[in-house]
Amino acid sequence: MELSQQRFNELMALRSNYSLDLQLGGMSTEETERTQLLLDDINAELKEYGFGASEN
C-alpha cells in the first residue's frame, strides 16, 4: 500500500498545525494530551510509510 500525495500533504499540514498548537500552549491539560495523541498518530502513520517523524 502506498501513501498518496494528497494524504501525505494532509498529514504534513496537520502535523505542522498540531506542533504549532503545542508550542504556543494555552490549552487545557486535556486539549494538550489530545493534541499530542493526534500528533503521535500522524507521526506513526508517516513512519509506517518510511517518512521520518522528526518534527514534534
N, C-alpha and C. Protein backbone atom coordinates (compact mmCIF):
# COMPACT_ATOMS: atom_id res chain seq x y z
N MET A 1 0.85 -1.18 0.00
CA MET A 1 0.00 0.00 0.00
C MET A 1 0.90 1.25 0.00
N GLU A 2 0.49 2.23 -0.76
CA GLU A 2 1.29 3.44 -0.93
C GLU A 2 0.54 4.65 -0.38
N LEU A 3 1.29 5.57 0.16
CA LEU A 3 0.72 6.81 0.68
C LEU A 3 0.52 7.78 -0.48
N SER A 4 -0.71 8.22 -0.68
CA SER A 4 -0.99 9.14 -1.78
C SER A 4 -0.41 10.52 -1.47
N GLN A 5 -0.16 11.28 -2.52
CA GLN A 5 0.36 12.64 -2.34
C GLN A 5 -0.62 13.49 -1.54
N GLN A 6 -1.91 13.30 -1.80
CA GLN A 6 -2.94 14.06 -1.09
C GLN A 6 -2.91 13.74 0.40
N ARG A 7 -2.83 12.46 0.74
CA ARG A 7 -2.80 12.06 2.16
C ARG A 7 -1.53 12.56 2.83
N PHE A 8 -0.40 12.46 2.11
CA PHE A 8 0.86 12.95 2.65
C PHE A 8 0.75 14.44 2.96
N ASN A 9 0.18 15.21 2.04
CA ASN A 9 0.02 16.65 2.25
C ASN A 9 -0.89 16.94 3.44
N GLU A 10 -1.97 16.17 3.57
CA GLU A 10 -2.87 16.33 4.71
C GLU A 10 -2.14 16.07 6.03
N LEU A 11 -1.40 14.97 6.07
CA LEU A 11 -0.69 14.62 7.29
C LEU A 11 0.36 15.67 7.66
N MET A 12 1.07 16.16 6.67
CA MET A 12 2.10 17.17 6.94
C MET A 12 1.47 18.47 7.44
N ALA A 13 0.35 18.86 6.86
CA ALA A 13 -0.34 20.08 7.30
C ALA A 13 -0.86 19.91 8.74
N LEU A 14 -1.47 18.77 9.02
CA LEU A 14 -1.97 18.51 10.37
C LEU A 14 -0.82 18.48 11.38
N ARG A 15 0.27 17.81 11.00
CA ARG A 15 1.43 17.72 11.90
C ARG A 15 1.97 19.11 12.21
N SER A 16 2.05 19.93 11.21
CA SER A 16 2.53 21.30 11.40
C SER A 16 1.60 22.09 12.33
N ASN A 17 0.30 21.98 12.08
CA ASN A 17 -0.68 22.69 12.90
C ASN A 17 -0.65 22.22 14.35
N TYR A 18 -0.63 20.90 14.56
CA TYR A 18 -0.63 20.38 15.93
C TYR A 18 0.67 20.72 16.65
N SER A 19 1.78 20.68 15.94
CA SER A 19 3.07 21.04 16.56
C SER A 19 3.04 22.50 16.99
N LEU A 20 2.51 23.36 16.14
CA LEU A 20 2.42 24.77 16.48
C LEU A 20 1.50 24.98 17.68
N ASP A 21 0.38 24.29 17.70
CA ASP A 21 -0.53 24.38 18.85
C ASP A 21 0.18 24.03 20.15
N LEU A 22 0.98 22.97 20.12
CA LEU A 22 1.69 22.56 21.32
C LEU A 22 2.75 23.59 21.71
N GLN A 23 3.42 24.16 20.73
CA GLN A 23 4.45 25.16 21.02
C GLN A 23 3.85 26.43 21.60
N LEU A 24 2.69 26.83 21.08
CA LEU A 24 2.06 28.06 21.55
C LEU A 24 1.46 27.90 22.94
N GLY A 25 1.02 26.69 23.26
CA GLY A 25 0.46 26.44 24.58
C GLY A 25 -0.90 27.11 24.74
N GLY A 26 -1.28 27.35 25.99
CA GLY A 26 -2.55 28.00 26.28
C GLY A 26 -3.74 27.06 26.26
N MET A 27 -3.48 25.76 26.09
CA MET A 27 -4.57 24.79 26.06
C MET A 27 -4.71 24.15 27.44
N SER A 28 -5.87 23.58 27.67
CA SER A 28 -6.06 22.83 28.91
C SER A 28 -5.22 21.56 28.84
N THR A 29 -5.06 20.92 29.96
CA THR A 29 -4.30 19.67 30.01
C THR A 29 -4.92 18.63 29.09
N GLU A 30 -6.24 18.55 29.09
CA GLU A 30 -6.93 17.58 28.23
C GLU A 30 -6.68 17.88 26.75
N GLU A 31 -6.75 19.16 26.38
CA GLU A 31 -6.50 19.54 24.99
C GLU A 31 -5.06 19.24 24.58
N THR A 32 -4.15 19.50 25.49
CA THR A 32 -2.74 19.23 25.21
C THR A 32 -2.51 17.73 25.01
N GLU A 33 -3.08 16.92 25.89
CA GLU A 33 -2.94 15.47 25.77
C GLU A 33 -3.56 14.96 24.47
N ARG A 34 -4.73 15.46 24.13
CA ARG A 34 -5.42 15.05 22.90
C ARG A 34 -4.60 15.44 21.68
N THR A 35 -4.08 16.65 21.68
CA THR A 35 -3.27 17.12 20.56
C THR A 35 -2.01 16.28 20.42
N GLN A 36 -1.38 15.94 21.54
CA GLN A 36 -0.17 15.12 21.48
C GLN A 36 -0.49 13.72 20.96
N LEU A 37 -1.62 13.16 21.35
CA LEU A 37 -2.02 11.84 20.85
C LEU A 37 -2.27 11.88 19.34
N LEU A 38 -2.93 12.93 18.88
CA LEU A 38 -3.17 13.08 17.44
C LEU A 38 -1.85 13.21 16.68
N LEU A 39 -0.93 13.99 17.23
CA LEU A 39 0.38 14.16 16.61
C LEU A 39 1.14 12.84 16.59
N ASP A 40 1.06 12.08 17.66
CA ASP A 40 1.70 10.76 17.71
C ASP A 40 1.12 9.82 16.65
N ASP A 41 -0.20 9.86 16.46
CA ASP A 41 -0.84 9.04 15.43
C ASP A 41 -0.37 9.43 14.03
N ILE A 42 -0.28 10.72 13.79
CA ILE A 42 0.18 11.20 12.49
C ILE A 42 1.62 10.76 12.25
N ASN A 43 2.48 10.94 13.24
CA ASN A 43 3.87 10.53 13.11
C ASN A 43 4.00 9.02 12.88
N ALA A 44 3.17 8.24 13.55
CA ALA A 44 3.19 6.79 13.37
C ALA A 44 2.78 6.41 11.95
N GLU A 45 1.76 7.09 11.42
CA GLU A 45 1.34 6.80 10.05
C GLU A 45 2.44 7.17 9.06
N LEU A 46 3.07 8.31 9.26
CA LEU A 46 4.17 8.70 8.37
C LEU A 46 5.33 7.71 8.46
N LYS A 47 5.64 7.29 9.67
CA LYS A 47 6.74 6.33 9.86
C LYS A 47 6.43 5.01 9.18
N GLU A 48 5.17 4.60 9.22
CA GLU A 48 4.73 3.36 8.58
C GLU A 48 5.07 3.36 7.08
N TYR A 49 5.06 4.54 6.48
CA TYR A 49 5.35 4.67 5.06
C TYR A 49 6.79 5.11 4.79
N GLY A 50 7.61 5.07 5.84
CA GLY A 50 9.04 5.35 5.65
C GLY A 50 9.45 6.80 5.75
N PHE A 51 8.55 7.66 6.22
CA PHE A 51 8.90 9.06 6.40
C PHE A 51 9.25 9.29 7.86
N GLY A 52 10.33 10.04 8.07
CA GLY A 52 10.76 10.35 9.42
C GLY A 52 9.75 11.23 10.12
N ALA A 53 9.77 11.19 11.42
CA ALA A 53 8.86 12.00 12.23
C ALA A 53 9.65 12.87 13.18
N SER A 54 10.56 13.67 12.62
CA SER A 54 11.46 14.45 13.45
C SER A 54 10.79 15.67 14.06
N GLU A 55 9.73 16.18 13.44
CA GLU A 55 9.06 17.37 13.96
C GLU A 55 8.07 16.95 15.02
N ASN A 56 8.32 17.39 16.26
CA ASN A 56 7.43 17.01 17.34
C ASN A 56 7.59 17.92 18.51
